[in-house]
ModelCIF file with pLDDT and N, C-alpha, C, O atoms, coordinates in Angstrom:
data_MODEL
#
_entry.id   MODEL 
#
_entity.id                         1 
_entity.type                       polymer 
_entity.pdbx_number_of_molecules   1 
#
_entity_poly.entity_id                      1 
_entity_poly.type                           'polypeptide(L)' 
_entity_poly.nstd_linkage                   no 
_entity_poly.nstd_monomer                   no 
_entity_poly.pdbx_seq_one_letter_code       AASTYLHLGAMGPKVVATTEDGALTGPPAKLIP 
_entity_poly.pdbx_seq_one_letter_code_can   AASTYLHLGAMGPKVVATTEDGALTGPPAKLIP 
_entity_poly.pdbx_strand_id                 A 
#
loop_
_entity_poly_seq.entity_id 
_entity_poly_seq.num 
_entity_poly_seq.mon_id 
_entity_poly_seq.hetero 
1 1  ALA n 
1 2  ALA n 
1 3  SER n 
1 4  THR n 
1 5  TYR n 
1 6  LEU n 
1 7  HIS n 
1 8  LEU n 
1 9  GLY n 
1 10 ALA n 
1 11 MET n 
1 12 GLY n 
1 13 PRO n 
1 14 LYS n 
1 15 VAL n 
1 16 VAL n 
1 17 ALA n 
1 18 THR n 
1 19 THR n 
1 20 GLU n 
1 21 ASP n 
1 22 GLY n 
1 23 ALA n 
1 24 LEU n 
1 25 THR n 
1 26 GLY n 
1 27 PRO n 
1 28 PRO n 
1 29 ALA n 
1 30 LYS n 
1 31 LEU n 
1 32 ILE n 
1 33 PRO n 
#
_struct_asym.id          A 
_struct_asym.entity_id   1 
#
loop_
_ma_qa_metric.id 
_ma_qa_metric.mode 
_ma_qa_metric.name 
_ma_qa_metric.software_group_id 
_ma_qa_metric.type 
1 global pLDDT . pLDDT 
2 local  pLDDT . pLDDT 
#
_ma_qa_metric_global.metric_id      1 
_ma_qa_metric_global.metric_value   90.09 
_ma_qa_metric_global.model_id       1 
_ma_qa_metric_global.ordinal_id     1 
#
loop_
_ma_qa_metric_local.label_asym_id 
_ma_qa_metric_local.label_comp_id 
_ma_qa_metric_local.label_seq_id 
_ma_qa_metric_local.metric_id 
_ma_qa_metric_local.metric_value 
_ma_qa_metric_local.model_id 
_ma_qa_metric_local.ordinal_id 
A ALA 1  2 95.00 1 1  
A ALA 2  2 96.00 1 2  
A SER 3  2 97.00 1 3  
A THR 4  2 96.00 1 4  
A TYR 5  2 95.00 1 5  
A LEU 6  2 97.00 1 6  
A HIS 7  2 98.00 1 7  
A LEU 8  2 96.00 1 8  
A GLY 9  2 95.00 1 9  
A ALA 10 2 96.00 1 10 
A MET 11 2 97.00 1 11 
A GLY 12 2 97.00 1 12 
A PRO 13 2 97.00 1 13 
A LYS 14 2 96.00 1 14 
A VAL 15 2 95.00 1 15 
A VAL 16 2 93.00 1 16 
A ALA 17 2 91.00 1 17 
A THR 18 2 87.00 1 18 
A THR 19 2 83.00 1 19 
A GLU 20 2 79.00 1 20 
A ASP 21 2 77.00 1 21 
A GLY 22 2 78.00 1 22 
A ALA 23 2 77.00 1 23 
A LEU 24 2 78.00 1 24 
A THR 25 2 79.00 1 25 
A GLY 26 2 76.00 1 26 
A PRO 27 2 84.00 1 27 
A PRO 28 2 88.00 1 28 
A ALA 29 2 88.00 1 29 
A LYS 30 2 91.00 1 30 
A LEU 31 2 94.00 1 31 
A ILE 32 2 93.00 1 32 
A PRO 33 2 94.00 1 33 
#
loop_
_atom_site.group_PDB 
_atom_site.id 
_atom_site.type_symbol 
_atom_site.label_atom_id 
_atom_site.label_alt_id 
_atom_site.label_comp_id 
_atom_site.label_asym_id 
_atom_site.label_entity_id 
_atom_site.label_seq_id 
_atom_site.pdbx_PDB_ins_code 
_atom_site.Cartn_x 
_atom_site.Cartn_y 
_atom_site.Cartn_z 
_atom_site.occupancy 
_atom_site.B_iso_or_equiv 
_atom_site.pdbx_formal_charge 
_atom_site.auth_seq_id 
_atom_site.auth_comp_id 
_atom_site.auth_asym_id 
_atom_site.auth_atom_id 
_atom_site.pdbx_PDB_model_num 
ATOM 1   N N  . ALA A 1 1  ? 0.864   -1.225 -0.011 1.00 95.00 ? 1  ALA A N  1 
ATOM 2   C CA . ALA A 1 1  ? -0.083  0.013  0.044  1.00 95.00 ? 1  ALA A CA 1 
ATOM 3   C C  . ALA A 1 1  ? 0.861   1.216  0.098  1.00 95.00 ? 1  ALA A C  1 
ATOM 4   O O  . ALA A 1 1  ? 1.851   1.261  0.828  1.00 95.00 ? 1  ALA A O  1 
ATOM 5   N N  . ALA A 1 2  ? 0.443   2.261  -0.801 1.00 96.00 ? 2  ALA A N  1 
ATOM 6   C CA . ALA A 1 2  ? 1.051   3.562  -0.705 1.00 96.00 ? 2  ALA A CA 1 
ATOM 7   C C  . ALA A 1 2  ? 0.573   4.213  0.601  1.00 96.00 ? 2  ALA A C  1 
ATOM 8   O O  . ALA A 1 2  ? -0.358  3.806  1.296  1.00 96.00 ? 2  ALA A O  1 
ATOM 9   N N  . SER A 1 3  ? 1.365   5.309  0.838  1.00 97.00 ? 3  SER A N  1 
ATOM 10  C CA . SER A 1 3  ? 1.156   6.052  2.085  1.00 97.00 ? 3  SER A CA 1 
ATOM 11  C C  . SER A 1 3  ? -0.134  6.993  2.137  1.00 97.00 ? 3  SER A C  1 
ATOM 12  O O  . SER A 1 3  ? -0.356  7.726  3.101  1.00 97.00 ? 3  SER A O  1 
ATOM 13  N N  . THR A 1 4  ? -0.949  6.911  1.038  1.00 96.00 ? 4  THR A N  1 
ATOM 14  C CA . THR A 1 4  ? -2.102  7.936  0.896  1.00 96.00 ? 4  THR A CA 1 
ATOM 15  C C  . THR A 1 4  ? -3.037  7.766  2.091  1.00 96.00 ? 4  THR A C  1 
ATOM 16  O O  . THR A 1 4  ? -3.560  8.776  2.562  1.00 96.00 ? 4  THR A O  1 
ATOM 17  N N  . TYR A 1 5  ? -3.267  6.657  2.577  1.00 95.00 ? 5  TYR A N  1 
ATOM 18  C CA . TYR A 1 5  ? -4.425  6.500  3.628  1.00 95.00 ? 5  TYR A CA 1 
ATOM 19  C C  . TYR A 1 5  ? -4.019  7.379  4.884  1.00 95.00 ? 5  TYR A C  1 
ATOM 20  O O  . TYR A 1 5  ? -4.862  8.170  5.309  1.00 95.00 ? 5  TYR A O  1 
ATOM 21  N N  . LEU A 1 6  ? -2.865  7.299  5.464  1.00 97.00 ? 6  LEU A N  1 
ATOM 22  C CA . LEU A 1 6  ? -2.467  8.289  6.484  1.00 97.00 ? 6  LEU A CA 1 
ATOM 23  C C  . LEU A 1 6  ? -2.256  9.672  5.929  1.00 97.00 ? 6  LEU A C  1 
ATOM 24  O O  . LEU A 1 6  ? -2.593  10.657 6.586  1.00 97.00 ? 6  LEU A O  1 
ATOM 25  N N  . HIS A 1 7  ? -1.743  9.765  4.814  1.00 98.00 ? 7  HIS A N  1 
ATOM 26  C CA . HIS A 1 7  ? -1.618  11.140 4.137  1.00 98.00 ? 7  HIS A CA 1 
ATOM 27  C C  . HIS A 1 7  ? -2.824  11.932 4.038  1.00 98.00 ? 7  HIS A C  1 
ATOM 28  O O  . HIS A 1 7  ? -2.879  13.029 4.592  1.00 98.00 ? 7  HIS A O  1 
ATOM 29  N N  . LEU A 1 8  ? -3.875  11.425 3.321  1.00 96.00 ? 8  LEU A N  1 
ATOM 30  C CA . LEU A 1 8  ? -5.084  11.951 3.097  1.00 96.00 ? 8  LEU A CA 1 
ATOM 31  C C  . LEU A 1 8  ? -6.171  11.670 4.057  1.00 96.00 ? 8  LEU A C  1 
ATOM 32  O O  . LEU A 1 8  ? -7.255  12.241 3.932  1.00 96.00 ? 8  LEU A O  1 
ATOM 33  N N  . GLY A 1 9  ? -5.949  10.830 5.004  1.00 95.00 ? 9  GLY A N  1 
ATOM 34  C CA . GLY A 1 9  ? -6.921  10.326 5.965  1.00 95.00 ? 9  GLY A CA 1 
ATOM 35  C C  . GLY A 1 9  ? -6.681  10.753 7.348  1.00 95.00 ? 9  GLY A C  1 
ATOM 36  O O  . GLY A 1 9  ? -7.614  10.886 8.140  1.00 95.00 ? 9  GLY A O  1 
ATOM 37  N N  . ALA A 1 10 ? -5.311  10.998 7.700  1.00 96.00 ? 10 ALA A N  1 
ATOM 38  C CA . ALA A 1 10 ? -5.109  11.281 9.101  1.00 96.00 ? 10 ALA A CA 1 
ATOM 39  C C  . ALA A 1 10 ? -4.193  12.564 9.410  1.00 96.00 ? 10 ALA A C  1 
ATOM 40  O O  . ALA A 1 10 ? -4.551  13.417 10.223 1.00 96.00 ? 10 ALA A O  1 
ATOM 41  N N  . MET A 1 11 ? -3.029  12.634 8.729  1.00 97.00 ? 11 MET A N  1 
ATOM 42  C CA . MET A 1 11 ? -2.104  13.480 9.331  1.00 97.00 ? 11 MET A CA 1 
ATOM 43  C C  . MET A 1 11 ? -1.826  14.740 8.366  1.00 97.00 ? 11 MET A C  1 
ATOM 44  O O  . MET A 1 11 ? -1.425  15.775 8.897  1.00 97.00 ? 11 MET A O  1 
ATOM 45  N N  . GLY A 1 12 ? -2.010  14.700 7.039  1.00 97.00 ? 12 GLY A N  1 
ATOM 46  C CA . GLY A 1 12 ? -1.597  15.723 6.089  1.00 97.00 ? 12 GLY A CA 1 
ATOM 47  C C  . GLY A 1 12 ? -2.402  16.889 6.274  1.00 97.00 ? 12 GLY A C  1 
ATOM 48  O O  . GLY A 1 12 ? -3.313  16.908 7.102  1.00 97.00 ? 12 GLY A O  1 
ATOM 49  N N  . PRO A 1 13 ? -2.084  17.964 5.469  1.00 97.00 ? 13 PRO A N  1 
ATOM 50  C CA . PRO A 1 13 ? -2.679  19.235 5.541  1.00 97.00 ? 13 PRO A CA 1 
ATOM 51  C C  . PRO A 1 13 ? -4.208  19.159 4.988  1.00 97.00 ? 13 PRO A C  1 
ATOM 52  O O  . PRO A 1 13 ? -5.007  20.034 5.322  1.00 97.00 ? 13 PRO A O  1 
ATOM 53  N N  . LYS A 1 14 ? -4.556  18.192 4.214  1.00 96.00 ? 14 LYS A N  1 
ATOM 54  C CA . LYS A 1 14 ? -5.814  17.982 3.649  1.00 96.00 ? 14 LYS A CA 1 
ATOM 55  C C  . LYS A 1 14 ? -6.269  16.581 3.868  1.00 96.00 ? 14 LYS A C  1 
ATOM 56  O O  . LYS A 1 14 ? -5.412  15.697 3.884  1.00 96.00 ? 14 LYS A O  1 
ATOM 57  N N  . VAL A 1 15 ? -7.530  16.280 4.040  1.00 95.00 ? 15 VAL A N  1 
ATOM 58  C CA . VAL A 1 15 ? -8.031  14.887 4.269  1.00 95.00 ? 15 VAL A CA 1 
ATOM 59  C C  . VAL A 1 15 ? -9.273  14.808 3.296  1.00 95.00 ? 15 VAL A C  1 
ATOM 60  O O  . VAL A 1 15 ? -9.925  15.773 2.896  1.00 95.00 ? 15 VAL A O  1 
ATOM 61  N N  . VAL A 1 16 ? -9.477  13.484 2.990  1.00 93.00 ? 16 VAL A N  1 
ATOM 62  C CA . VAL A 1 16 ? -10.714 13.210 2.306  1.00 93.00 ? 16 VAL A CA 1 
ATOM 63  C C  . VAL A 1 16 ? -11.914 13.343 3.194  1.00 93.00 ? 16 VAL A C  1 
ATOM 64  O O  . VAL A 1 16 ? -11.881 12.874 4.332  1.00 93.00 ? 16 VAL A O  1 
ATOM 65  N N  . ALA A 1 17 ? -12.972 13.961 2.729  1.00 91.00 ? 17 ALA A N  1 
ATOM 66  C CA . ALA A 1 17 ? -14.188 14.170 3.634  1.00 91.00 ? 17 ALA A CA 1 
ATOM 67  C C  . ALA A 1 17 ? -14.910 12.930 3.882  1.00 91.00 ? 17 ALA A C  1 
ATOM 68  O O  . ALA A 1 17 ? -15.110 12.117 2.980  1.00 91.00 ? 17 ALA A O  1 
ATOM 69  N N  . THR A 1 18 ? -15.287 12.771 5.020  1.00 87.00 ? 18 THR A N  1 
ATOM 70  C CA . THR A 1 18 ? -16.066 11.574 5.515  1.00 87.00 ? 18 THR A CA 1 
ATOM 71  C C  . THR A 1 18 ? -17.383 12.037 6.086  1.00 87.00 ? 18 THR A C  1 
ATOM 72  O O  . THR A 1 18 ? -17.579 13.221 6.361  1.00 87.00 ? 18 THR A O  1 
ATOM 73  N N  . THR A 1 19 ? -18.329 11.042 6.269  1.00 83.00 ? 19 THR A N  1 
ATOM 74  C CA . THR A 1 19 ? -19.561 11.297 7.071  1.00 83.00 ? 19 THR A CA 1 
ATOM 75  C C  . THR A 1 19 ? -19.267 11.240 8.508  1.00 83.00 ? 19 THR A C  1 
ATOM 76  O O  . THR A 1 19 ? -18.111 10.990 8.847  1.00 83.00 ? 19 THR A O  1 
ATOM 77  N N  . GLU A 1 20 ? -20.205 11.448 9.425  1.00 79.00 ? 20 GLU A N  1 
ATOM 78  C CA . GLU A 1 20 ? -19.967 11.402 10.798 1.00 79.00 ? 20 GLU A CA 1 
ATOM 79  C C  . GLU A 1 20 ? -19.571 10.078 11.339 1.00 79.00 ? 20 GLU A C  1 
ATOM 80  O O  . GLU A 1 20 ? -18.856 9.957  12.334 1.00 79.00 ? 20 GLU A O  1 
ATOM 81  N N  . ASP A 1 21 ? -20.078 9.042  10.623 1.00 77.00 ? 21 ASP A N  1 
ATOM 82  C CA . ASP A 1 21 ? -19.614 7.577  11.120 1.00 77.00 ? 21 ASP A CA 1 
ATOM 83  C C  . ASP A 1 21 ? -18.386 7.115  10.363 1.00 77.00 ? 21 ASP A C  1 
ATOM 84  O O  . ASP A 1 21 ? -17.935 5.981  10.526 1.00 77.00 ? 21 ASP A O  1 
ATOM 85  N N  . GLY A 1 22 ? -17.834 8.018  9.515  1.00 78.00 ? 22 GLY A N  1 
ATOM 86  C CA . GLY A 1 22 ? -16.580 7.540  8.849  1.00 78.00 ? 22 GLY A CA 1 
ATOM 87  C C  . GLY A 1 22 ? -16.629 7.061  7.476  1.00 78.00 ? 22 GLY A C  1 
ATOM 88  O O  . GLY A 1 22 ? -15.610 6.605  6.958  1.00 78.00 ? 22 GLY A O  1 
ATOM 89  N N  . ALA A 1 23 ? -17.704 7.127  6.861  1.00 77.00 ? 23 ALA A N  1 
ATOM 90  C CA . ALA A 1 23 ? -17.968 6.680  5.426  1.00 77.00 ? 23 ALA A CA 1 
ATOM 91  C C  . ALA A 1 23 ? -17.513 7.837  4.556  1.00 77.00 ? 23 ALA A C  1 
ATOM 92  O O  . ALA A 1 23 ? -17.841 8.999  4.795  1.00 77.00 ? 23 ALA A O  1 
ATOM 93  N N  . LEU A 1 24 ? -16.744 7.474  3.537  1.00 78.00 ? 24 LEU A N  1 
ATOM 94  C CA . LEU A 1 24 ? -16.337 8.399  2.429  1.00 78.00 ? 24 LEU A CA 1 
ATOM 95  C C  . LEU A 1 24 ? -17.562 8.988  1.607  1.00 78.00 ? 24 LEU A C  1 
ATOM 96  O O  . LEU A 1 24 ? -18.497 8.260  1.274  1.00 78.00 ? 24 LEU A O  1 
ATOM 97  N N  . THR A 1 25 ? -17.518 10.250 1.317  1.00 79.00 ? 25 THR A N  1 
ATOM 98  C CA . THR A 1 25 ? -18.393 10.765 0.382  1.00 79.00 ? 25 THR A CA 1 
ATOM 99  C C  . THR A 1 25 ? -17.936 10.661 -1.140 1.00 79.00 ? 25 THR A C  1 
ATOM 100 O O  . THR A 1 25 ? -16.778 10.378 -1.448 1.00 79.00 ? 25 THR A O  1 
ATOM 101 N N  . GLY A 1 26 ? -18.841 10.887 -1.971 1.00 76.00 ? 26 GLY A N  1 
ATOM 102 C CA . GLY A 1 26 ? -18.441 10.689 -3.396 1.00 76.00 ? 26 GLY A CA 1 
ATOM 103 C C  . GLY A 1 26 ? -18.928 9.236  -3.978 1.00 76.00 ? 26 GLY A C  1 
ATOM 104 O O  . GLY A 1 26 ? -19.689 8.497  -3.354 1.00 76.00 ? 26 GLY A O  1 
ATOM 105 N N  . PRO A 1 27 ? -18.443 8.970  -5.112 1.00 84.00 ? 27 PRO A N  1 
ATOM 106 C CA . PRO A 1 27 ? -17.347 9.735  -5.950 1.00 84.00 ? 27 PRO A CA 1 
ATOM 107 C C  . PRO A 1 27 ? -17.903 10.968 -6.711 1.00 84.00 ? 27 PRO A C  1 
ATOM 108 O O  . PRO A 1 27 ? -19.089 11.078 -7.023 1.00 84.00 ? 27 PRO A O  1 
ATOM 109 N N  . PRO A 1 28 ? -16.973 11.857 -6.973 1.00 88.00 ? 28 PRO A N  1 
ATOM 110 C CA . PRO A 1 28 ? -15.488 11.835 -6.605 1.00 88.00 ? 28 PRO A CA 1 
ATOM 111 C C  . PRO A 1 28 ? -15.273 12.309 -5.089 1.00 88.00 ? 28 PRO A C  1 
ATOM 112 O O  . PRO A 1 28 ? -16.091 13.048 -4.541 1.00 88.00 ? 28 PRO A O  1 
ATOM 113 N N  . ALA A 1 29 ? -14.267 11.896 -4.528 1.00 88.00 ? 29 ALA A N  1 
ATOM 114 C CA . ALA A 1 29 ? -13.855 12.175 -3.193 1.00 88.00 ? 29 ALA A CA 1 
ATOM 115 C C  . ALA A 1 29 ? -13.572 13.673 -3.067 1.00 88.00 ? 29 ALA A C  1 
ATOM 116 O O  . ALA A 1 29 ? -13.003 14.273 -3.979 1.00 88.00 ? 29 ALA A O  1 
ATOM 117 N N  . LYS A 1 30 ? -13.953 14.262 -1.977 1.00 91.00 ? 30 LYS A N  1 
ATOM 118 C CA . LYS A 1 30 ? -13.808 15.676 -1.681 1.00 91.00 ? 30 LYS A CA 1 
ATOM 119 C C  . LYS A 1 30 ? -12.587 15.754 -0.710 1.00 91.00 ? 30 LYS A C  1 
ATOM 120 O O  . LYS A 1 30 ? -12.488 14.983 0.246  1.00 91.00 ? 30 LYS A O  1 
ATOM 121 N N  . LEU A 1 31 ? -11.615 16.762 -1.006 1.00 94.00 ? 31 LEU A N  1 
ATOM 122 C CA . LEU A 1 31 ? -10.701 17.053 -0.059 1.00 94.00 ? 31 LEU A CA 1 
ATOM 123 C C  . LEU A 1 31 ? -10.974 18.362 0.711  1.00 94.00 ? 31 LEU A C  1 
ATOM 124 O O  . LEU A 1 31 ? -11.355 19.384 0.141  1.00 94.00 ? 31 LEU A O  1 
ATOM 125 N N  . ILE A 1 32 ? -10.748 18.269 2.087  1.00 93.00 ? 32 ILE A N  1 
ATOM 126 C CA . ILE A 1 32 ? -10.953 19.529 2.925  1.00 93.00 ? 32 ILE A CA 1 
ATOM 127 C C  . ILE A 1 32 ? -9.784  19.692 3.698  1.00 93.00 ? 32 ILE A C  1 
ATOM 128 O O  . ILE A 1 32 ? -8.982  18.770 3.844  1.00 93.00 ? 32 ILE A O  1 
ATOM 129 N N  . PRO A 1 33 ? -9.611  21.011 4.294  1.00 94.00 ? 33 PRO A N  1 
ATOM 130 C CA . PRO A 1 33 ? -8.427  21.141 5.280  1.00 94.00 ? 33 PRO A CA 1 
ATOM 131 C C  . PRO A 1 33 ? -8.663  20.291 6.464  1.00 94.00 ? 33 PRO A C  1 
ATOM 132 O O  . PRO A 1 33 ? -7.832  20.253 7.372  1.00 94.00 ? 33 PRO A O  1 
#
């Protein structure tokens, strides 16, 4: 696996938007601060 999950999911400046219970929105996925 590439490091994208922790990058855009946990630690980076931007993350993939999710619902309150953690489900991803989209497609396409939306990046938020």
